[in-house]
Amino acid sequence: MSLNITIREAYGSDLLTLIEYNRTLAKETENLSLGSSYINDL
């Protein structure tokens, strides 16, 4: 959690948003590869 705060302070919300998007995309891709829907984890 402290890493996210540091990133926000250093680079602003745009980078944090990009990181969150990439994390979400990776999670969706992982779930699709397992044959399940990411909606189940929401």
N, C-alpha and C. Protein backbone atom coordinates (compact mmCIF):
# COMPACT_ATOMS: atom_id res chain seq x y z
N MET A 1 0.83 -1.19 0.00
CA MET A 1 0.00 0.00 0.00
C MET A 1 0.87 1.24 0.00
N SER A 2 1.95 1.21 0.75
CA SER A 2 2.83 2.38 0.79
C SER A 2 3.46 2.65 -0.56
N LEU A 3 3.66 1.60 -1.35
CA LEU A 3 4.22 1.77 -2.69
C LEU A 3 3.27 2.58 -3.56
N ASN A 4 1.97 2.28 -3.48
CA ASN A 4 1.00 3.03 -4.26
C ASN A 4 0.98 4.49 -3.87
N ILE A 5 1.10 4.78 -2.58
CA ILE A 5 1.13 6.17 -2.12
C ILE A 5 2.36 6.88 -2.67
N THR A 6 3.50 6.20 -2.64
CA THR A 6 4.73 6.78 -3.16
C THR A 6 4.61 7.08 -4.65
N ILE A 7 4.03 6.14 -5.38
CA ILE A 7 3.86 6.34 -6.82
C ILE A 7 2.95 7.53 -7.08
N ARG A 8 1.87 7.65 -6.31
CA ARG A 8 0.94 8.76 -6.52
C ARG A 8 1.64 10.09 -6.27
N GLU A 9 2.45 10.15 -5.23
CA GLU A 9 3.14 11.40 -4.91
C GLU A 9 4.20 11.73 -5.95
N ALA A 10 4.87 10.72 -6.47
CA ALA A 10 5.99 10.95 -7.37
C ALA A 10 5.53 11.23 -8.81
N TYR A 11 4.51 10.53 -9.25
CA TYR A 11 4.16 10.59 -10.67
C TYR A 11 2.74 11.09 -10.93
N GLY A 12 1.92 11.16 -9.90
CA GLY A 12 0.55 11.61 -10.09
C GLY A 12 -0.40 10.47 -10.37
N SER A 13 -1.66 10.82 -10.49
CA SER A 13 -2.71 9.81 -10.57
C SER A 13 -2.72 9.09 -11.91
N ASP A 14 -2.17 9.69 -12.97
CA ASP A 14 -2.21 9.05 -14.28
C ASP A 14 -1.47 7.72 -14.27
N LEU A 15 -0.27 7.71 -13.67
CA LEU A 15 0.50 6.47 -13.62
C LEU A 15 -0.19 5.45 -12.73
N LEU A 16 -0.74 5.91 -11.62
CA LEU A 16 -1.44 4.99 -10.73
C LEU A 16 -2.63 4.35 -11.44
N THR A 17 -3.34 5.14 -12.22
CA THR A 17 -4.47 4.61 -12.99
C THR A 17 -3.99 3.58 -13.99
N LEU A 18 -2.87 3.85 -14.64
CA LEU A 18 -2.31 2.91 -15.61
C LEU A 18 -1.92 1.60 -14.93
N ILE A 19 -1.31 1.70 -13.76
CA ILE A 19 -0.92 0.50 -13.01
C ILE A 19 -2.15 -0.31 -12.63
N GLU A 20 -3.18 0.37 -12.14
CA GLU A 20 -4.41 -0.33 -11.75
C GLU A 20 -5.05 -0.99 -12.97
N TYR A 21 -5.03 -0.30 -14.11
CA TYR A 21 -5.59 -0.87 -15.34
C TYR A 21 -4.82 -2.13 -15.73
N ASN A 22 -3.50 -2.05 -15.69
CA ASN A 22 -2.68 -3.21 -16.06
C ASN A 22 -2.92 -4.37 -15.12
N ARG A 23 -3.07 -4.06 -13.81
CA ARG A 23 -3.33 -5.10 -12.82
C ARG A 23 -4.67 -5.77 -13.10
N THR A 24 -5.68 -4.96 -13.42
CA THR A 24 -7.01 -5.50 -13.72
C THR A 24 -6.97 -6.33 -14.98
N LEU A 25 -6.28 -5.84 -16.00
CA LEU A 25 -6.17 -6.57 -17.26
C LEU A 25 -5.48 -7.90 -17.05
N ALA A 26 -4.42 -7.91 -16.26
CA ALA A 26 -3.71 -9.15 -15.98
C ALA A 26 -4.61 -10.14 -15.24
N LYS A 27 -5.40 -9.62 -14.31
CA LYS A 27 -6.31 -10.49 -13.56
C LYS A 27 -7.35 -11.09 -14.48
N GLU A 28 -7.90 -10.28 -15.37
CA GLU A 28 -8.89 -10.78 -16.32
C GLU A 28 -8.28 -11.84 -17.22
N THR A 29 -7.07 -11.58 -17.71
CA THR A 29 -6.40 -12.52 -18.59
C THR A 29 -6.14 -13.84 -17.87
N GLU A 30 -5.72 -13.76 -16.61
CA GLU A 30 -5.46 -14.97 -15.82
C GLU A 30 -6.75 -15.77 -15.65
N ASN A 31 -7.82 -15.09 -15.33
CA ASN A 31 -9.09 -15.78 -15.13
C ASN A 31 -9.59 -16.41 -16.42
N LEU A 32 -9.40 -15.70 -17.54
CA LEU A 32 -9.82 -16.26 -18.82
C LEU A 32 -9.02 -17.52 -19.14
N SER A 33 -7.74 -17.50 -18.80
CA SER A 33 -6.90 -18.66 -19.07
C SER A 33 -7.31 -19.84 -18.19
N LEU A 34 -7.92 -19.56 -17.06
CA LEU A 34 -8.40 -20.61 -16.18
C LEU A 34 -9.81 -21.06 -16.55
N GLY A 35 -10.38 -20.40 -17.57
CA GLY A 35 -11.70 -20.77 -18.03
C GLY A 35 -12.81 -20.25 -17.14
N SER A 36 -12.53 -19.20 -16.36
CA SER A 36 -13.56 -18.61 -15.51
C SER A 36 -13.67 -17.12 -15.81
N SER A 37 -14.73 -16.51 -15.34
CA SER A 37 -14.97 -15.10 -15.61
C SER A 37 -14.43 -14.25 -14.48
N TYR A 38 -13.82 -13.11 -14.83
CA TYR A 38 -13.31 -12.21 -13.79
C TYR A 38 -14.44 -11.64 -12.96
N ILE A 39 -15.65 -11.68 -13.46
CA ILE A 39 -16.79 -11.16 -12.70
C ILE A 39 -16.95 -11.92 -11.38
N ASN A 40 -16.56 -13.18 -11.37
CA ASN A 40 -16.69 -13.98 -10.16
C ASN A 40 -15.86 -13.44 -9.01
N ASP A 41 -14.81 -12.68 -9.33
CA ASP A 41 -13.91 -12.18 -8.30
C ASP A 41 -14.23 -10.76 -7.87
N LEU A 42 -15.25 -10.14 -8.48
CA LEU A 42 -15.60 -8.77 -8.13
C LEU A 42 -16.29 -8.71 -6.78
